[in-house]
Amino acid sequence: MAESLRGGVIGAGVFGGYHANQYARLPGVTLSAVLDPHPDRAAKVAVPLGGRAFHDLEPFLEAVDVVTVASPATFHTEHAMAALAAGKPVYVEKPIAVSVAEAEKLRELARAKGLVVACGHQERVIFQAMGLLDVPEQPLLLEALRHGPPSDRSQDVSAILDLMIHDLDLALALSSAEPVTAEGEGRIGASGSWDVARAEVSFDDGFTALFDVSRQAEARKRTMRVVYPSGEVEIDFMARTFRNTTPFALNRDFADTPAASNPLGVSVAAFLAAVRGEAPRPVVTAGEAIRALDLALAVEHALEAQA
């Protein structure tokens, strides 16, 4: 691997721009290329950061050492598989794929080629900074709310794969138990998919997790309450604050850390460290992303059963 990695981004939308900026600012990597079907969009992202714009995949892959896939979710597998086949480690924005079968193929190809795959569940970075992932108790109850106003972004997937999957991943990260049932109700919006949903997931140790998401809210609101045998933690993700009644010392100054100010940057840096062999793994592995996807699809099936 080259001493200074050449970063490439597939997708010149909002998230593609975010990722391109991380490659341009992080040490040991440069933004080399941006790929998009619309050359003008690719150039708008790439050129100001010193990169080149591409609309053909093959020359793009020749110009990079690592790839971020920030294209629409329905293209994640196609683009990630092409990058892996070309020998490039991949950071895939969430969801890692839109079916578990596709995600498994992606993971198997990465294993066969010995390449790193990371997935963009950046809220894990926040939890690491807070110290929540080190709490030595299993949670009893989790209540998560994630609301946002209408947007043109991620309309190719439901609010479950767009929004709820973040909190599903956090629930899986907090508990060592396995989910056993999922129930839910929701409303299909103008996108033709679930834009509003509530779900309840039960785990095999009695842990219950409740999720509430909306892409039709008047304002953004993102909160979580986690109840433990010894107390509870209430988090306001927007304000970057929390209330803790457990005896466990969480980092009250986490909002001042790079994790809070730029969780994407921390996540991409961890991916690059894993690629260089400086870290054993990225923040979220392909296997963890597949677990979150599997649970998200179970919620979707529960919604469809109630429709």
C-alpha atoms as a PDB file:
ATOM      1  CA  MET A   1       0.000   0.000   0.000  1.00  0.00           C
ATOM      2  CA  ALA A   2       1.330   3.426  -0.912  1.00  0.00           C
ATOM      3  CA  GLU A   3       2.685   5.571   1.906  1.00  0.00           C
ATOM      4  CA  SER A   4       0.122   8.258   1.077  1.00  0.00           C
ATOM      5  CA  LEU A   5      -3.138   6.609   0.132  1.00  0.00           C
ATOM      6  CA  ARG A   6      -5.169   7.867  -2.800  1.00  0.00           C
ATOM      7  CA  GLY A   7      -8.782   8.148  -1.728  1.00  0.00           C
ATOM      8  CA  GLY A   8     -11.688   7.788  -4.104  1.00  0.00           C
ATOM      9  CA  VAL A   9     -15.374   8.473  -3.565  1.00  0.00           C
ATOM     10  CA  ILE A  10     -18.221   6.945  -5.543  1.00  0.00           C
ATOM     11  CA  GLY A  11     -21.182   9.297  -5.467  1.00  0.00           C
ATOM     12  CA  ALA A  12     -21.078  13.091  -5.605  1.00  0.00           C
ATOM     13  CA  GLY A  13     -24.126  13.760  -3.484  1.00  0.00           C
ATOM     14  CA  VAL A  14     -24.174  15.272  -0.003  1.00  0.00           C
ATOM     15  CA  PHE A  15     -22.486  12.334   1.696  1.00  0.00           C
ATOM     16  CA  GLY A  16     -20.025  11.913  -1.141  1.00  0.00           C
ATOM     17  CA  GLY A  17     -18.969  15.499  -0.555  1.00  0.00           C
ATOM     18  CA  TYR A  18     -18.542  14.851   3.165  1.00  0.00           C
ATOM     19  CA  HIS A  19     -16.314  11.850   2.470  1.00  0.00           C
ATOM     20  CA  ALA A  20     -14.282  13.664  -0.160  1.00  0.00           C
ATOM     21  CA  ASN A  21     -13.552  16.399   2.371  1.00  0.00           C
ATOM     22  CA  GLN A  22     -12.319  13.825   4.896  1.00  0.00           C
ATOM     23  CA  TYR A  23      -9.874  12.369   2.382  1.00  0.00           C
ATOM     24  CA  ALA A  24      -8.673  15.871   1.573  1.00  0.00           C
ATOM     25  CA  ARG A  25      -8.045  16.835   5.213  1.00  0.00           C
ATOM     26  CA  LEU A  26      -6.846  13.651   6.948  1.00  0.00           C
ATOM     27  CA  PRO A  27      -3.095  12.926   7.162  1.00  0.00           C
ATOM     28  CA  GLY A  28      -1.656  10.150   5.021  1.00  0.00           C
ATOM     29  CA  VAL A  29      -4.355  10.305   2.363  1.00  0.00           C
ATOM     30  CA  THR A  30      -5.328  12.571  -0.516  1.00  0.00           C
ATOM     31  CA  LEU A  31      -8.586  13.000  -2.372  1.00  0.00           C
ATOM     32  CA  SER A  32      -7.644  11.568  -5.757  1.00  0.00           C
ATOM     33  CA  ALA A  33     -10.936  10.941  -7.553  1.00  0.00           C
ATOM     34  CA  VAL A  34     -14.710  11.257  -7.417  1.00  0.00           C
ATOM     35  CA  LEU A  35     -16.985   9.107  -9.576  1.00  0.00           C
ATOM     36  CA  ASP A  36     -20.540  10.053 -10.501  1.00  0.00           C
ATOM     37  CA  PRO A  37     -22.748   9.424 -13.555  1.00  0.00           C
ATOM     38  CA  HIS A  38     -22.977  13.197 -13.904  1.00  0.00           C
ATOM     39  CA  PRO A  39     -19.467  14.512 -14.678  1.00  0.00           C
ATOM     40  CA  ASP A  40     -20.302  18.050 -13.623  1.00  0.00           C
ATOM     41  CA  ARG A  41     -21.383  16.877 -10.194  1.00  0.00           C
ATOM     42  CA  ALA A  42     -18.217  14.822  -9.804  1.00  0.00           C
ATOM     43  CA  ALA A  43     -16.073  17.781 -10.829  1.00  0.00           C
ATOM     44  CA  LYS A  44     -17.865  20.110  -8.435  1.00  0.00           C
ATOM     45  CA  VAL A  45     -16.827  17.882  -5.530  1.00  0.00           C
ATOM     46  CA  ALA A  46     -13.404  16.704  -6.722  1.00  0.00           C
ATOM     47  CA  VAL A  47     -11.695  19.663  -8.362  1.00  0.00           C
ATOM     48  CA  PRO A  48     -11.750  22.145  -5.430  1.00  0.00           C
ATOM     49  CA  LEU A  49     -10.137  19.436  -3.284  1.00  0.00           C
ATOM     50  CA  GLY A  50      -7.388  18.623  -5.782  1.00  0.00           C
ATOM     51  CA  GLY A  51      -9.008  15.497  -7.194  1.00  0.00           C
ATOM     52  CA  ARG A  52     -10.194  14.408 -10.618  1.00  0.00           C
ATOM     53  CA  ALA A  53     -13.722  13.739 -11.787  1.00  0.00           C
ATOM     54  CA  PHE A  54     -14.692  10.415 -13.395  1.00  0.00           C
ATOM     55  CA  HIS A  55     -17.868   8.938 -14.822  1.00  0.00           C
ATOM     56  CA  ASP A  56     -16.386   5.539 -15.820  1.00  0.00           C
ATOM     57  CA  LEU A  57     -15.677   3.017 -13.078  1.00  0.00           C
ATOM     58  CA  GLU A  58     -12.571   1.301 -14.480  1.00  0.00           C
ATOM     59  CA  PRO A  59     -10.306   4.371 -14.827  1.00  0.00           C
ATOM     60  CA  PHE A  60     -11.603   5.647 -11.477  1.00  0.00           C
ATOM     61  CA  LEU A  61     -10.507   2.431  -9.737  1.00  0.00           C
ATOM     62  CA  GLU A  62      -7.070   2.670 -11.355  1.00  0.00           C
ATOM     63  CA  ALA A  63      -6.659   6.153  -9.854  1.00  0.00           C
ATOM     64  CA  VAL A  64      -7.308   5.209  -6.203  1.00  0.00           C
ATOM     65  CA  ASP A  65      -6.050   2.967  -3.391  1.00  0.00           C
ATOM     66  CA  VAL A  66      -9.119   3.058  -1.121  1.00  0.00           C
ATOM     67  CA  VAL A  67     -12.762   3.644  -1.985  1.00  0.00           C
ATOM     68  CA  THR A  68     -15.727   5.154  -0.199  1.00  0.00           C
ATOM     69  CA  VAL A  69     -19.093   4.082  -1.578  1.00  0.00           C
ATOM     70  CA  ALA A  70     -21.528   6.958  -1.053  1.00  0.00           C
ATOM     71  CA  SER A  71     -23.820   6.253  -3.985  1.00  0.00           C
ATOM     72  CA  PRO A  72     -27.550   5.561  -3.432  1.00  0.00           C
ATOM     73  CA  ALA A  73     -28.067   2.532  -1.202  1.00  0.00           C
ATOM     74  CA  THR A  74     -29.444   0.370  -3.987  1.00  0.00           C
ATOM     75  CA  PHE A  75     -26.040   0.649  -5.724  1.00  0.00           C
ATOM     76  CA  HIS A  76     -23.879  -0.038  -2.658  1.00  0.00           C
ATOM     77  CA  THR A  77     -23.309  -3.707  -3.405  1.00  0.00           C
ATOM     78  CA  GLU A  78     -22.534  -3.179  -7.101  1.00  0.00           C
ATOM     79  CA  HIS A  79     -19.991  -0.456  -6.410  1.00  0.00           C
ATOM     80  CA  ALA A  80     -18.410  -2.088  -3.367  1.00  0.00           C
ATOM     81  CA  MET A  81     -18.039  -5.425  -5.157  1.00  0.00           C
ATOM     82  CA  ALA A  82     -16.357  -3.737  -8.113  1.00  0.00           C
ATOM     83  CA  ALA A  83     -13.908  -1.954  -5.826  1.00  0.00           C
ATOM     84  CA  LEU A  84     -13.099  -5.126  -3.898  1.00  0.00           C
ATOM     85  CA  ALA A  85     -12.648  -7.079  -7.120  1.00  0.00           C
ATOM     86  CA  ALA A  86     -10.074  -4.455  -8.130  1.00  0.00           C
ATOM     87  CA  GLY A  87      -8.233  -4.979  -4.829  1.00  0.00           C
ATOM     88  CA  LYS A  88      -9.386  -1.797  -3.093  1.00  0.00           C
ATOM     89  CA  PRO A  89     -10.407  -1.646   0.588  1.00  0.00           C
ATOM     90  CA  VAL A  90     -13.895  -0.179   0.916  1.00  0.00           C
ATOM     91  CA  TYR A  91     -15.786   2.109   3.273  1.00  0.00           C
ATOM     92  CA  VAL A  92     -19.509   1.711   2.530  1.00  0.00           C
ATOM     93  CA  GLU A  93     -22.040   4.214   3.766  1.00  0.00           C
ATOM     94  CA  LYS A  94     -24.968   2.662   5.622  1.00  0.00           C
ATOM     95  CA  PRO A  95     -26.805   0.501   4.876  1.00  0.00           C
ATOM     96  CA  ILE A  96     -24.042  -1.798   3.723  1.00  0.00           C
ATOM     97  CA  ALA A  97     -26.506  -3.278   1.198  1.00  0.00           C
ATOM     98  CA  VAL A  98     -30.249  -3.604   0.745  1.00  0.00           C
ATOM     99  CA  SER A  99     -30.343  -7.384   1.261  1.00  0.00           C
ATOM    100  CA  VAL A 100     -28.441  -9.686   3.585  1.00  0.00           C
ATOM    101  CA  ALA A 101     -27.546 -11.972   0.665  1.00  0.00           C
ATOM    102  CA  GLU A 102     -25.856  -9.078  -1.151  1.00  0.00           C
ATOM    103  CA  ALA A 103     -24.033  -8.005   2.005  1.00  0.00           C
ATOM    104  CA  GLU A 104     -22.781 -11.543   2.620  1.00  0.00           C
ATOM    105  CA  LYS A 105     -21.364 -11.705  -0.915  1.00  0.00           C
ATOM    106  CA  LEU A 106     -19.563  -8.444  -0.277  1.00  0.00           C
ATOM    107  CA  ARG A 107     -18.104  -9.721   3.002  1.00  0.00           C
ATOM    108  CA  GLU A 108     -16.998 -13.014   1.468  1.00  0.00           C
ATOM    109  CA  LEU A 109     -15.222 -11.285  -1.413  1.00  0.00           C
ATOM    110  CA  ALA A 110     -13.406  -9.028   1.052  1.00  0.00           C
ATOM    111  CA  ARG A 111     -12.347 -12.058   3.098  1.00  0.00           C
ATOM    112  CA  ALA A 112     -11.120 -13.889   0.020  1.00  0.00           C
ATOM    113  CA  LYS A 113      -9.004 -10.911  -1.001  1.00  0.00           C
ATOM    114  CA  GLY A 114      -7.890  -9.972   2.505  1.00  0.00           C
ATOM    115  CA  LEU A 115      -9.341  -6.477   2.253  1.00  0.00           C
ATOM    116  CA  VAL A 116     -10.852  -4.205   4.885  1.00  0.00           C
ATOM    117  CA  VAL A 117     -14.540  -3.312   4.685  1.00  0.00           C
ATOM    118  CA  ALA A 118     -15.961  -0.631   6.974  1.00  0.00           C
ATOM    119  CA  CYS A 119     -19.500   0.688   7.209  1.00  0.00           C
ATOM    120  CA  GLY A 120     -20.646   4.192   8.045  1.00  0.00           C
ATOM    121  CA  HIS A 121     -22.577   3.808  11.282  1.00  0.00           C
ATOM    122  CA  GLN A 122     -20.935   6.906  12.719  1.00  0.00           C
ATOM    123  CA  GLU A 123     -23.032   7.072  15.900  1.00  0.00           C
ATOM    124  CA  ARG A 124     -20.746   4.309  17.218  1.00  0.00           C
ATOM    125  CA  VAL A 125     -17.998   6.931  17.385  1.00  0.00           C
ATOM    126  CA  ILE A 126     -20.155   9.067  19.687  1.00  0.00           C
ATOM    127  CA  PHE A 127     -20.884   6.097  21.955  1.00  0.00           C
ATOM    128  CA  GLN A 128     -17.182   5.253  22.150  1.00  0.00           C
ATOM    129  CA  ALA A 129     -16.364   8.829  23.126  1.00  0.00           C
ATOM    130  CA  MET A 130     -19.051   8.810  25.816  1.00  0.00           C
ATOM    131  CA  GLY A 131     -17.835   5.487  27.220  1.00  0.00           C
ATOM    132  CA  LEU A 132     -21.194   3.780  26.738  1.00  0.00           C
ATOM    133  CA  LEU A 133     -19.700   0.812  24.926  1.00  0.00           C
ATOM    134  CA  ASP A 134     -17.671   0.037  28.074  1.00  0.00           C
ATOM    135  CA  VAL A 135     -20.603  -0.090  30.528  1.00  0.00           C
ATOM    136  CA  PRO A 136     -20.288  -3.479  32.304  1.00  0.00           C
ATOM    137  CA  GLU A 137     -24.055  -4.079  32.553  1.00  0.00           C
ATOM    138  CA  GLN A 138     -26.540  -5.348  30.042  1.00  0.00           C
ATOM    139  CA  PRO A 139     -29.352  -2.912  29.228  1.00  0.00           C
ATOM    140  CA  LEU A 140     -32.946  -3.675  30.207  1.00  0.00           C
ATOM    141  CA  LEU A 141     -34.688  -1.139  27.984  1.00  0.00           C
ATOM    142  CA  LEU A 142     -33.771   1.194  25.152  1.00  0.00           C
ATOM    143  CA  GLU A 143     -35.993   3.921  23.716  1.00  0.00           C
ATOM    144  CA  ALA A 144     -34.730   5.714  20.596  1.00  0.00           C
ATOM    145  CA  LEU A 145     -36.332   8.564  18.679  1.00  0.00           C
ATOM    146  CA  ARG A 146     -34.935   9.872  15.382  1.00  0.00           C
ATOM    147  CA  HIS A 147     -37.052  12.429  13.531  1.00  0.00           C
ATOM    148  CA  GLY A 148     -36.225  14.712  10.625  1.00  0.00           C
ATOM    149  CA  PRO A 149     -38.032  16.903   8.092  1.00  0.00           C
ATOM    150  CA  PRO A 150     -38.711  15.762   4.514  1.00  0.00           C
ATOM    151  CA  SER A 151     -35.617  15.493   2.321  1.00  0.00           C
ATOM    152  CA  ASP A 152     -34.709  14.310  -1.162  1.00  0.00           C
ATOM    153  CA  ARG A 153     -31.854  12.254   0.302  1.00  0.00           C
ATOM    154  CA  SER A 154     -32.028   8.431   0.566  1.00  0.00           C
ATOM    155  CA  GLN A 155     -35.462   8.159  -1.023  1.00  0.00           C
ATOM    156  CA  ASP A 156     -34.457   4.831  -2.595  1.00  0.00           C
ATOM    157  CA  VAL A 157     -34.809   3.116   0.798  1.00  0.00           C
ATOM    158  CA  SER A 158     -37.261   3.297   3.685  1.00  0.00           C
ATOM    159  CA  ALA A 159     -36.824   5.309   6.865  1.00  0.00           C
ATOM    160  CA  ILE A 160     -35.905   1.986   8.477  1.00  0.00           C
ATOM    161  CA  LEU A 161     -32.781   1.593   6.331  1.00  0.00           C
ATOM    162  CA  ASP A 162     -32.169   5.345   6.256  1.00  0.00           C
ATOM    163  CA  LEU A 163     -32.711   6.396   9.900  1.00  0.00           C
ATOM    164  CA  MET A 164     -33.707   3.581  12.236  1.00  0.00           C
ATOM    165  CA  ILE A 165     -30.736   1.433  11.243  1.00  0.00           C
ATOM    166  CA  HIS A 166     -28.451   3.800  13.186  1.00  0.00           C
ATOM    167  CA  ASP A 167     -30.278   3.065  16.437  1.00  0.00           C
ATOM    168  CA  LEU A 168     -30.677  -0.629  15.645  1.00  0.00           C
ATOM    169  CA  ASP A 169     -26.898  -0.809  15.322  1.00  0.00           C
ATOM    170  CA  LEU A 170     -26.436   1.008  18.644  1.00  0.00           C
ATOM    171  CA  ALA A 171     -28.814  -1.395  20.390  1.00  0.00           C
ATOM    172  CA  LEU A 172     -26.844  -4.333  19.017  1.00  0.00           C
ATOM    173  CA  ALA A 173     -23.597  -2.697  20.137  1.00  0.00           C
ATOM    174  CA  LEU A 174     -24.852  -2.103  23.692  1.00  0.00           C
ATOM    175  CA  SER A 175     -26.185  -5.612  24.266  1.00  0.00           C
ATOM    176  CA  SER A 176     -24.569  -9.009  23.910  1.00  0.00           C
ATOM    177  CA  ALA A 177     -28.021 -10.611  23.539  1.00  0.00           C
ATOM    178  CA  GLU A 178     -29.577 -11.692  20.261  1.00  0.00           C
ATOM    179  CA  PRO A 179     -32.786 -10.182  18.853  1.00  0.00           C
ATOM    180  CA  VAL A 180     -35.605 -12.720  18.661  1.00  0.00           C
ATOM    181  CA  THR A 181     -38.751 -10.803  17.643  1.00  0.00           C
ATOM    182  CA  ALA A 182     -39.596  -7.553  15.880  1.00  0.00           C
ATOM    183  CA  GLU A 183     -42.977  -5.851  15.763  1.00  0.00           C
ATOM    184  CA  GLY A 184     -43.949  -2.537  14.270  1.00  0.00           C
ATOM    185  CA  GLU A 185     -46.364  -0.159  12.635  1.00  0.00           C
ATOM    186  CA  GLY A 186     -45.803   2.654  10.217  1.00  0.00           C
ATOM    187  CA  ARG A 187     -46.951   4.876   7.396  1.00  0.00           C
ATOM    188  CA  ILE A 188     -45.906   4.856   3.762  1.00  0.00           C
ATOM    189  CA  GLY A 189     -45.132   8.295   2.370  1.00  0.00           C
ATOM    190  CA  ALA A 190     -44.791   9.896  -1.031  1.00  0.00           C
ATOM    191  CA  SER A 191     -41.528   8.011  -1.558  1.00  0.00           C
ATOM    192  CA  GLY A 192     -43.527   4.789  -1.787  1.00  0.00           C
ATOM    193  CA  SER A 193     -41.742   3.339   1.243  1.00  0.00           C
ATOM    194  CA  TRP A 194     -42.024   3.609   5.015  1.00  0.00           C
ATOM    195  CA  ASP A 195     -41.459   7.244   6.023  1.00  0.00           C
ATOM    196  CA  VAL A 196     -42.808   6.958   9.580  1.00  0.00           C
ATOM    197  CA  ALA A 197     -42.385   3.884  11.770  1.00  0.00           C
ATOM    198  CA  ARG A 198     -42.373   2.585  15.319  1.00  0.00           C
ATOM    199  CA  ALA A 199     -40.880  -0.777  16.193  1.00  0.00           C
ATOM    200  CA  GLU A 200     -40.311  -2.966  19.225  1.00  0.00           C
ATOM    201  CA  VAL A 201     -37.485  -5.517  19.229  1.00  0.00           C
ATOM    202  CA  SER A 202     -37.193  -8.168  21.932  1.00  0.00           C
ATOM    203  CA  PHE A 203     -33.897  -9.864  22.768  1.00  0.00           C
ATOM    204  CA  ASP A 204     -33.258 -13.327  24.173  1.00  0.00           C
ATOM    205  CA  ASP A 205     -32.213 -12.025  27.609  1.00  0.00           C
ATOM    206  CA  GLY A 206     -35.349  -9.912  28.116  1.00  0.00           C
ATOM    207  CA  PHE A 207     -33.868  -6.672  26.781  1.00  0.00           C
ATOM    208  CA  THR A 208     -36.500  -4.613  24.931  1.00  0.00           C
ATOM    209  CA  ALA A 209     -35.687  -1.877  22.421  1.00  0.00           C
ATOM    210  CA  LEU A 210     -38.225   0.650  21.122  1.00  0.00           C
ATOM    211  CA  PHE A 211     -37.589   2.704  17.993  1.00  0.00           C
ATOM    212  CA  ASP A 212     -39.456   5.716  16.600  1.00  0.00           C
ATOM    213  CA  VAL A 213     -38.423   7.269  13.270  1.00  0.00           C
ATOM    214  CA  SER A 214     -39.919   9.827  10.921  1.00  0.00           C
ATOM    215  CA  ARG A 215     -38.877  11.531   7.699  1.00  0.00           C
ATOM    216  CA  GLN A 216     -41.974  13.754   7.874  1.00  0.00           C
ATOM    217  CA  ALA A 217     -41.335  15.675  11.118  1.00  0.00           C
ATOM    218  CA  GLU A 218     -41.308  19.459  11.400  1.00  0.00           C
ATOM    219  CA  ALA A 219     -37.835  19.516  12.964  1.00  0.00           C
ATOM    220  CA  ARG A 220     -34.882  17.264  13.700  1.00  0.00           C
ATOM    221  CA  LYS A 221     -34.934  15.441  17.019  1.00  0.00           C
ATOM    222  CA  ARG A 222     -32.666  12.586  18.054  1.00  0.00           C
ATOM    223  CA  THR A 223     -32.805  11.175  21.563  1.00  0.00           C
ATOM    224  CA  MET A 224     -32.171   7.881  23.340  1.00  0.00           C
ATOM    225  CA  ARG A 225     -32.824   6.499  26.811  1.00  0.00           C
ATOM    226  CA  VAL A 226     -31.020   3.380  27.995  1.00  0.00           C
ATOM    227  CA  VAL A 227     -32.149   1.748  31.235  1.00  0.00           C
ATOM    228  CA  TYR A 228     -29.714  -0.484  33.153  1.00  0.00           C
ATOM    229  CA  PRO A 229     -30.218  -2.400  36.419  1.00  0.00           C
ATOM    230  CA  SER A 230     -28.295   0.349  38.251  1.00  0.00           C
ATOM    231  CA  GLY A 231     -29.728   3.448  36.563  1.00  0.00           C
ATOM    232  CA  GLU A 232     -30.288   5.048  33.195  1.00  0.00           C
ATOM    233  CA  VAL A 233     -28.679   7.258  30.574  1.00  0.00           C
ATOM    234  CA  GLU A 234     -30.656   9.822  28.584  1.00  0.00           C
ATOM    235  CA  ILE A 235     -28.946  11.216  25.494  1.00  0.00           C
ATOM    236  CA  ASP A 236     -29.769  14.221  23.332  1.00  0.00           C
ATOM    237  CA  PHE A 237     -27.775  13.646  20.151  1.00  0.00           C
ATOM    238  CA  MET A 238     -28.589  17.106  18.791  1.00  0.00           C
ATOM    239  CA  ALA A 239     -27.380  18.973  21.885  1.00  0.00           C
ATOM    240  CA  ARG A 240     -24.525  16.481  22.480  1.00  0.00           C
ATOM    241  CA  THR A 241     -25.539  16.135  26.140  1.00  0.00           C
ATOM    242  CA  PHE A 242     -26.623  13.309  28.420  1.00  0.00           C
ATOM    243  CA  ARG A 243     -27.978  12.591  31.905  1.00  0.00           C
ATOM    244  CA  ASN A 244     -26.475   9.627  33.741  1.00  0.00           C
ATOM    245  CA  THR A 245     -27.871   8.060  36.931  1.00  0.00           C
ATOM    246  CA  THR A 246     -25.786   4.877  36.714  1.00  0.00           C
ATOM    247  CA  PRO A 247     -22.663   4.478  38.884  1.00  0.00           C
ATOM    248  CA  PHE A 248     -20.495   4.230  35.763  1.00  0.00           C
ATOM    249  CA  ALA A 249     -18.265   7.169  34.886  1.00  0.00           C
ATOM    250  CA  LEU A 250     -19.146   8.387  31.416  1.00  0.00           C
ATOM    251  CA  ASN A 251     -17.252  11.182  29.679  1.00  0.00           C
ATOM    252  CA  ARG A 252     -19.210  14.366  30.355  1.00  0.00           C
ATOM    253  CA  ASP A 253     -16.767  16.290  28.155  1.00  0.00           C
ATOM    254  CA  PHE A 254     -17.304  14.061  25.132  1.00  0.00           C
ATOM    255  CA  ALA A 255     -18.851  16.979  23.227  1.00  0.00           C
ATOM    256  CA  ASP A 256     -15.408  18.602  23.185  1.00  0.00           C
ATOM    257  CA  THR A 257     -13.748  15.583  21.557  1.00  0.00           C
ATOM    258  CA  PRO A 258     -13.113  15.108  17.815  1.00  0.00           C
ATOM    259  CA  ALA A 259     -15.658  12.288  17.961  1.00  0.00           C
ATOM    260  CA  ALA A 260     -18.453  14.716  18.716  1.00  0.00           C
ATOM    261  CA  SER A 261     -17.333  17.461  16.350  1.00  0.00           C
ATOM    262  CA  ASN A 262     -16.492  15.164  13.426  1.00  0.00           C
ATOM    263  CA  PRO A 263     -17.612  11.551  13.919  1.00  0.00           C
ATOM    264  CA  LEU A 264     -17.296  10.875  10.191  1.00  0.00           C
ATOM    265  CA  GLY A 265     -13.668  11.981  10.236  1.00  0.00           C
ATOM    266  CA  VAL A 266     -12.913   9.709  13.190  1.00  0.00           C
ATOM    267  CA  SER A 267     -14.653   6.810  11.452  1.00  0.00           C
ATOM    268  CA  VAL A 268     -12.793   7.332   8.154  1.00  0.00           C
ATOM    269  CA  ALA A 269      -9.472   7.708   9.999  1.00  0.00           C
ATOM    270  CA  ALA A 270     -10.115   4.392  11.762  1.00  0.00           C
ATOM    271  CA  PHE A 271     -10.846   2.764   8.396  1.00  0.00           C
ATOM    272  CA  LEU A 272      -7.563   4.075   7.000  1.00  0.00           C
ATOM    273  CA  ALA A 273      -5.680   2.886  10.100  1.00  0.00           C
ATOM    274  CA  ALA A 274      -7.120  -0.610   9.608  1.00  0.00           C
ATOM    275  CA  VAL A 275      -6.134  -0.525   5.928  1.00  0.00           C
ATOM    276  CA  ARG A 276      -2.551   0.383   6.875  1.00  0.00           C
ATOM    277  CA  GLY A 277      -2.425  -2.346   9.536  1.00  0.00           C
ATOM    278  CA  GLU A 278      -2.171   0.225  12.327  1.00  0.00           C
ATOM    279  CA  ALA A 279      -5.489  -0.857  13.888  1.00  0.00           C
ATOM    280  CA  PRO A 280      -7.071  -4.304  14.123  1.00  0.00           C
ATOM    281  CA  ARG A 281     -10.432  -3.200  12.736  1.00  0.00           C
ATOM    282  CA  PRO A 282     -12.529  -0.213  11.627  1.00  0.00           C
ATOM    283  CA  VAL A 283     -15.189   1.293  13.899  1.00  0.00           C
ATOM    284  CA  VAL A 284     -17.923  -0.840  12.322  1.00  0.00           C
ATOM    285  CA  THR A 285     -17.063  -4.057  10.507  1.00  0.00           C
ATOM    286  CA  ALA A 286     -18.938  -5.684   7.663  1.00  0.00           C
ATOM    287  CA  GLY A 287     -20.246  -8.330  10.060  1.00  0.00           C
ATOM    288  CA  GLU A 288     -21.668  -5.713  12.424  1.00  0.00           C
ATOM    289  CA  ALA A 289     -23.222  -3.819   9.530  1.00  0.00           C
ATOM    290  CA  ILE A 290     -24.853  -7.045   8.328  1.00  0.00           C
ATOM    291  CA  ARG A 291     -26.384  -7.630  11.784  1.00  0.00           C
ATOM    292  CA  ALA A 292     -27.886  -4.134  11.727  1.00  0.00           C
ATOM    293  CA  LEU A 293     -29.168  -4.661   8.179  1.00  0.00           C
ATOM    294  CA  ASP A 294     -30.691  -8.029   9.089  1.00  0.00           C
ATOM    295  CA  LEU A 295     -32.548  -6.490  12.018  1.00  0.00           C
ATOM    296  CA  ALA A 296     -33.684  -3.508   9.929  1.00  0.00           C
ATOM    297  CA  LEU A 297     -35.129  -5.858   7.318  1.00  0.00           C
ATOM    298  CA  ALA A 298     -36.883  -7.819  10.086  1.00  0.00           C
ATOM    299  CA  VAL A 299     -38.523  -4.562  11.170  1.00  0.00           C
ATOM    300  CA  GLU A 300     -39.578  -3.863   7.588  1.00  0.00           C
ATOM    301  CA  HIS A 301     -41.124  -7.326   7.352  1.00  0.00           C
ATOM    302  CA  ALA A 302     -42.996  -6.696  10.609  1.00  0.00           C
ATOM    303  CA  LEU A 303     -44.362  -3.436   9.197  1.00  0.00           C
ATOM    304  CA  GLU A 304     -45.461  -5.175   6.019  1.00  0.00           C
ATOM    305  CA  ALA A 305     -47.211  -7.865   8.071  1.00  0.00           C
ATOM    306  CA  GLN A 306     -49.208  -5.169   9.888  1.00  0.00           C
ATOM    307  CA  ALA A 307     -50.101  -3.225   6.746  1.00  0.00           C
END
